[in-house]
Amino acid sequence: MKSLAKLLISHVFISIFVTFFLLSGHIKHPFLIIFLLFLPVLNKGQRFQKIQSKKYIF
């Protein structure tokens, strides 16, 4: 559950960051395209964290 919360918080902050700079005009379109292409690297970085999750058996 902690990893899901971290993932959601990081994506919310990144989307706020990108939206703010896109609306203010400080970000160029080629940079935005490159940034969005490499955004999934954040998900891979979260996978390497050693977070123990409980397994539930139904």
PDB file of N, CA and C in Angstrom:
ATOM      1  N   MET A   1       0.822  -1.195   0.000  1.00  0.00           N
ATOM      2  CA  MET A   1       0.000   0.000   0.000  1.00  0.00           C
ATOM      3  C   MET A   1       0.864   1.257   0.000  1.00  0.00           C
ATOM      4  N   LYS A   2       2.038   1.164   0.655  1.00  0.00           N
ATOM      5  CA  LYS A   2       2.918   2.331   0.686  1.00  0.00           C
ATOM      6  C   LYS A   2       3.445   2.656  -0.704  1.00  0.00           C
ATOM      7  N   SER A   3       3.759   1.615  -1.477  1.00  0.00           N
ATOM      8  CA  SER A   3       4.293   1.866  -2.813  1.00  0.00           C
ATOM      9  C   SER A   3       3.240   2.498  -3.719  1.00  0.00           C
ATOM     10  N   LEU A   4       1.992   2.088  -3.569  1.00  0.00           N
ATOM     11  CA  LEU A   4       0.926   2.687  -4.371  1.00  0.00           C
ATOM     12  C   LEU A   4       0.735   4.155  -4.003  1.00  0.00           C
ATOM     13  N   ALA A   5       0.796   4.455  -2.725  1.00  0.00           N
ATOM     14  CA  ALA A   5       0.654   5.847  -2.286  1.00  0.00           C
ATOM     15  C   ALA A   5       1.807   6.695  -2.802  1.00  0.00           C
ATOM     16  N   LYS A   6       3.032   6.166  -2.735  1.00  0.00           N
ATOM     17  CA  LYS A   6       4.187   6.912  -3.249  1.00  0.00           C
ATOM     18  C   LYS A   6       4.063   7.137  -4.751  1.00  0.00           C
ATOM     19  N   LEU A   7       3.604   6.118  -5.458  1.00  0.00           N
ATOM     20  CA  LEU A   7       3.441   6.231  -6.905  1.00  0.00           C
ATOM     21  C   LEU A   7       2.407   7.292  -7.260  1.00  0.00           C
ATOM     22  N   LEU A   8       1.282   7.281  -6.572  1.00  0.00           N
ATOM     23  CA  LEU A   8       0.238   8.273  -6.845  1.00  0.00           C
ATOM     24  C   LEU A   8       0.700   9.686  -6.508  1.00  0.00           C
ATOM     25  N   ILE A   9       1.370   9.846  -5.378  1.00  0.00           N
ATOM     26  CA  ILE A   9       1.847  11.171  -4.980  1.00  0.00           C
ATOM     27  C   ILE A   9       2.875  11.694  -5.971  1.00  0.00           C
ATOM     28  N   SER A  10       3.804  10.838  -6.395  1.00  0.00           N
ATOM     29  CA  SER A  10       4.817  11.297  -7.348  1.00  0.00           C
ATOM     30  C   SER A  10       4.182  11.681  -8.684  1.00  0.00           C
ATOM     31  N   HIS A  11       3.198  10.918  -9.155  1.00  0.00           N
ATOM     32  CA  HIS A  11       2.554  11.256 -10.420  1.00  0.00           C
ATOM     33  C   HIS A  11       1.723  12.534 -10.312  1.00  0.00           C
ATOM     34  N   VAL A  12       1.096  12.753  -9.170  1.00  0.00           N
ATOM     35  CA  VAL A  12       0.327  13.990  -8.987  1.00  0.00           C
ATOM     36  C   VAL A  12       1.255  15.194  -8.998  1.00  0.00           C
ATOM     37  N   PHE A  13       2.380  15.113  -8.282  1.00  0.00           N
ATOM     38  CA  PHE A  13       3.316  16.234  -8.261  1.00  0.00           C
ATOM     39  C   PHE A  13       3.925  16.492  -9.633  1.00  0.00           C
ATOM     40  N   ILE A  14       4.240  15.453 -10.368  1.00  0.00           N
ATOM     41  CA  ILE A  14       4.811  15.640 -11.704  1.00  0.00           C
ATOM     42  C   ILE A  14       3.776  16.242 -12.643  1.00  0.00           C
ATOM     43  N   SER A  15       2.532  15.807 -12.549  1.00  0.00           N
ATOM     44  CA  SER A  15       1.506  16.379 -13.430  1.00  0.00           C
ATOM     45  C   SER A  15       1.244  17.844 -13.089  1.00  0.00           C
ATOM     46  N   ILE A  16       1.284  18.206 -11.801  1.00  0.00           N
ATOM     47  CA  ILE A  16       1.140  19.615 -11.422  1.00  0.00           C
ATOM     48  C   ILE A  16       2.308  20.423 -11.966  1.00  0.00           C
ATOM     49  N   PHE A  17       3.519  19.888 -11.836  1.00  0.00           N
ATOM     50  CA  PHE A  17       4.726  20.552 -12.334  1.00  0.00           C
ATOM     51  C   PHE A  17       4.640  20.790 -13.839  1.00  0.00           C
ATOM     52  N   VAL A  18       4.296  19.757 -14.591  1.00  0.00           N
ATOM     53  CA  VAL A  18       4.226  19.876 -16.050  1.00  0.00           C
ATOM     54  C   VAL A  18       3.114  20.837 -16.455  1.00  0.00           C
ATOM     55  N   THR A  19       1.958  20.757 -15.811  1.00  0.00           N
ATOM     56  CA  THR A  19       0.845  21.650 -16.136  1.00  0.00           C
ATOM     57  C   THR A  19       1.196  23.098 -15.860  1.00  0.00           C
ATOM     58  N   PHE A  20       1.827  23.365 -14.727  1.00  0.00           N
ATOM     59  CA  PHE A  20       2.202  24.731 -14.375  1.00  0.00           C
ATOM     60  C   PHE A  20       3.177  25.320 -15.390  1.00  0.00           C
ATOM     61  N   PHE A  21       4.230  24.569 -15.718  1.00  0.00           N
ATOM     62  CA  PHE A  21       5.214  25.098 -16.652  1.00  0.00           C
ATOM     63  C   PHE A  21       4.695  25.146 -18.080  1.00  0.00           C
ATOM     64  N   LEU A  22       3.775  24.271 -18.424  1.00  0.00           N
ATOM     65  CA  LEU A  22       3.191  24.313 -19.762  1.00  0.00           C
ATOM     66  C   LEU A  22       2.283  25.526 -19.911  1.00  0.00           C
ATOM     67  N   LEU A  23       1.488  25.819 -18.890  1.00  0.00           N
ATOM     68  CA  LEU A  23       0.590  26.968 -18.955  1.00  0.00           C
ATOM     69  C   LEU A  23       1.335  28.292 -18.837  1.00  0.00           C
ATOM     70  N   SER A  24       2.438  28.304 -18.101  1.00  0.00           N
ATOM     71  CA  SER A  24       3.188  29.550 -17.955  1.00  0.00           C
ATOM     72  C   SER A  24       4.068  29.830 -19.175  1.00  0.00           C
ATOM     73  N   GLY A  25       4.286  28.838 -20.014  1.00  0.00           N
ATOM     74  CA  GLY A  25       5.049  29.040 -21.233  1.00  0.00           C
ATOM     75  C   GLY A  25       6.546  28.910 -21.071  1.00  0.00           C
ATOM     76  N   HIS A  26       7.013  28.431 -19.930  1.00  0.00           N
ATOM     77  CA  HIS A  26       8.451  28.297 -19.700  1.00  0.00           C
ATOM     78  C   HIS A  26       9.021  26.998 -20.241  1.00  0.00           C
ATOM     79  N   ILE A  27       8.178  26.116 -20.702  1.00  0.00           N
ATOM     80  CA  ILE A  27       8.654  24.812 -21.156  1.00  0.00           C
ATOM     81  C   ILE A  27       8.453  24.722 -22.669  1.00  0.00           C
ATOM     82  N   LYS A  28       9.444  24.197 -23.345  1.00  0.00           N
ATOM     83  CA  LYS A  28       9.384  24.054 -24.801  1.00  0.00           C
ATOM     84  C   LYS A  28       8.790  22.694 -25.146  1.00  0.00           C
ATOM     85  N   HIS A  29       8.178  22.593 -26.295  1.00  0.00           N
ATOM     86  CA  HIS A  29       7.516  21.354 -26.688  1.00  0.00           C
ATOM     87  C   HIS A  29       8.478  20.178 -26.864  1.00  0.00           C
ATOM     88  N   PRO A  30       9.684  20.346 -27.460  1.00  0.00           N
ATOM     89  CA  PRO A  30      10.591  19.188 -27.541  1.00  0.00           C
ATOM     90  C   PRO A  30      10.987  18.661 -26.157  1.00  0.00           C
ATOM     91  N   PHE A  31      11.210  19.571 -25.207  1.00  0.00           N
ATOM     92  CA  PHE A  31      11.538  19.131 -23.851  1.00  0.00           C
ATOM     93  C   PHE A  31      10.370  18.376 -23.237  1.00  0.00           C
ATOM     94  N   LEU A  32       9.160  18.836 -23.480  1.00  0.00           N
ATOM     95  CA  LEU A  32       7.975  18.178 -22.934  1.00  0.00           C
ATOM     96  C   LEU A  32       7.822  16.770 -23.506  1.00  0.00           C
ATOM     97  N   ILE A  33       8.068  16.611 -24.788  1.00  0.00           N
ATOM     98  CA  ILE A  33       7.959  15.291 -25.413  1.00  0.00           C
ATOM     99  C   ILE A  33       9.002  14.344 -24.838  1.00  0.00           C
ATOM    100  N   ILE A  34      10.241  14.807 -24.699  1.00  0.00           N
ATOM    101  CA  ILE A  34      11.302  13.968 -24.124  1.00  0.00           C
ATOM    102  C   ILE A  34      10.981  13.620 -22.677  1.00  0.00           C
ATOM    103  N   PHE A  35      10.488  14.598 -21.927  1.00  0.00           N
ATOM    104  CA  PHE A  35      10.150  14.373 -20.522  1.00  0.00           C
ATOM    105  C   PHE A  35       9.047  13.330 -20.383  1.00  0.00           C
ATOM    106  N   LEU A  36       8.024  13.417 -21.219  1.00  0.00           N
ATOM    107  CA  LEU A  36       6.921  12.461 -21.141  1.00  0.00           C
ATOM    108  C   LEU A  36       7.330  11.067 -21.606  1.00  0.00           C
ATOM    109  N   LEU A  37       8.300  10.985 -22.517  1.00  0.00           N
ATOM    110  CA  LEU A  37       8.778   9.676 -22.944  1.00  0.00           C
ATOM    111  C   LEU A  37       9.556   8.969 -21.841  1.00  0.00           C
ATOM    112  N   PHE A  38      10.284   9.743 -21.018  1.00  0.00           N
ATOM    113  CA  PHE A  38      11.085   9.145 -19.959  1.00  0.00           C
ATOM    114  C   PHE A  38      10.371   9.115 -18.614  1.00  0.00           C
ATOM    115  N   LEU A  39       9.120   9.502 -18.564  1.00  0.00           N
ATOM    116  CA  LEU A  39       8.346   9.472 -17.324  1.00  0.00           C
ATOM    117  C   LEU A  39       8.155   8.062 -16.765  1.00  0.00           C
ATOM    118  N   PRO A  40       8.002   7.021 -17.589  1.00  0.00           N
ATOM    119  CA  PRO A  40       7.863   5.671 -17.019  1.00  0.00           C
ATOM    120  C   PRO A  40       9.078   5.188 -16.232  1.00  0.00           C
ATOM    121  N   VAL A  41      10.199   5.872 -16.339  1.00  0.00           N
ATOM    122  CA  VAL A  41      11.373   5.503 -15.541  1.00  0.00           C
ATOM    123  C   VAL A  41      11.055   5.630 -14.055  1.00  0.00           C
ATOM    124  N   LEU A  42      10.168   6.548 -13.696  1.00  0.00           N
ATOM    125  CA  LEU A  42       9.768   6.682 -12.289  1.00  0.00           C
ATOM    126  C   LEU A  42       9.115   5.404 -11.774  1.00  0.00           C
ATOM    127  N   ASN A  43       8.314   4.772 -12.608  1.00  0.00           N
ATOM    128  CA  ASN A  43       7.679   3.525 -12.185  1.00  0.00           C
ATOM    129  C   ASN A  43       8.712   2.430 -11.974  1.00  0.00           C
ATOM    130  N   LYS A  44       9.719   2.373 -12.835  1.00  0.00           N
ATOM    131  CA  LYS A  44      10.754   1.357 -12.681  1.00  0.00           C
ATOM    132  C   LYS A  44      11.580   1.613 -11.430  1.00  0.00           C
ATOM    133  N   GLY A  45      11.829   2.873 -11.111  1.00  0.00           N
ATOM    134  CA  GLY A  45      12.570   3.193  -9.893  1.00  0.00           C
ATOM    135  C   GLY A  45      11.811   2.792  -8.651  1.00  0.00           C
ATOM    136  N   GLN A  46      10.502   2.909  -8.674  1.00  0.00           N
ATOM    137  CA  GLN A  46       9.694   2.511  -7.524  1.00  0.00           C
ATOM    138  C   GLN A  46       9.684   0.993  -7.365  1.00  0.00           C
ATOM    139  N   ARG A  47       9.873   0.260  -8.447  1.00  0.00           N
ATOM    140  CA  ARG A  47       9.858  -1.198  -8.375  1.00  0.00           C
ATOM    141  C   ARG A  47      11.075  -1.723  -7.612  1.00  0.00           C
ATOM    142  N   PHE A  48      12.205  -1.002  -7.672  1.00  0.00           N
ATOM    143  CA  PHE A  48      13.423  -1.478  -7.037  1.00  0.00           C
ATOM    144  C   PHE A  48      13.480  -1.179  -5.544  1.00  0.00           C
ATOM    145  N   GLN A  49      12.494  -0.473  -5.022  1.00  0.00           N
ATOM    146  CA  GLN A  49      12.459  -0.249  -3.581  1.00  0.00           C
ATOM    147  C   GLN A  49      12.053  -1.542  -2.892  1.00  0.00           C
ATOM    148  N   LYS A  50      12.679  -1.804  -1.765  1.00  0.00           N
ATOM    149  CA  LYS A  50      12.395  -3.044  -1.028  1.00  0.00           C
ATOM    150  C   LYS A  50      11.223  -2.816  -0.084  1.00  0.00           C
ATOM    151  N   ILE A  51      10.025  -2.862  -0.619  1.00  0.00           N
ATOM    152  CA  ILE A  51       8.821  -2.668   0.179  1.00  0.00           C
ATOM    153  C   ILE A  51       8.143  -4.023   0.336  1.00  0.00           C
ATOM    154  N   GLN A  52       7.957  -4.423   1.574  1.00  0.00           N
ATOM    155  CA  GLN A  52       7.304  -5.702   1.871  1.00  0.00           C
ATOM    156  C   GLN A  52       5.790  -5.506   1.835  1.00  0.00           C
ATOM    157  N   SER A  53       5.125  -6.341   1.104  1.00  0.00           N
ATOM    158  CA  SER A  53       3.665  -6.283   1.071  1.00  0.00           C
ATOM    159  C   SER A  53       3.108  -7.610   1.568  1.00  0.00           C
ATOM    160  N   LYS A  54       2.009  -7.538   2.254  1.00  0.00           N
ATOM    161  CA  LYS A  54       1.386  -8.743   2.793  1.00  0.00           C
ATOM    162  C   LYS A  54       0.587  -9.431   1.694  1.00  0.00           C
ATOM    163  N   LYS A  55       0.665 -10.739   1.668  1.00  0.00           N
ATOM    164  CA  LYS A  55      -0.100 -11.534   0.712  1.00  0.00           C
ATOM    165  C   LYS A  55      -1.360 -12.031   1.404  1.00  0.00           C
ATOM    166  N   TYR A  56      -2.481 -11.742   0.816  1.00  0.00           N
ATOM    167  CA  TYR A  56      -3.751 -12.170   1.384  1.00  0.00           C
ATOM    168  C   TYR A  56      -4.273 -13.375   0.613  1.00  0.00           C
ATOM    169  N   ILE A  57      -4.727 -14.373   1.332  1.00  0.00           N
ATOM    170  CA  ILE A  57      -5.293 -15.569   0.716  1.00  0.00           C
ATOM    171  C   ILE A  57      -6.794 -15.544   0.950  1.00  0.00           C
ATOM    172  N   PHE A  58      -7.539 -15.654  -0.133  1.00  0.00           N
ATOM    173  CA  PHE A  58      -8.998 -15.620  -0.017  1.00  0.00           C
ATOM    174  C   PHE A  58      -9.569 -17.008  -0.068  1.00  0.00           C
TER     175      PHE A  58
END
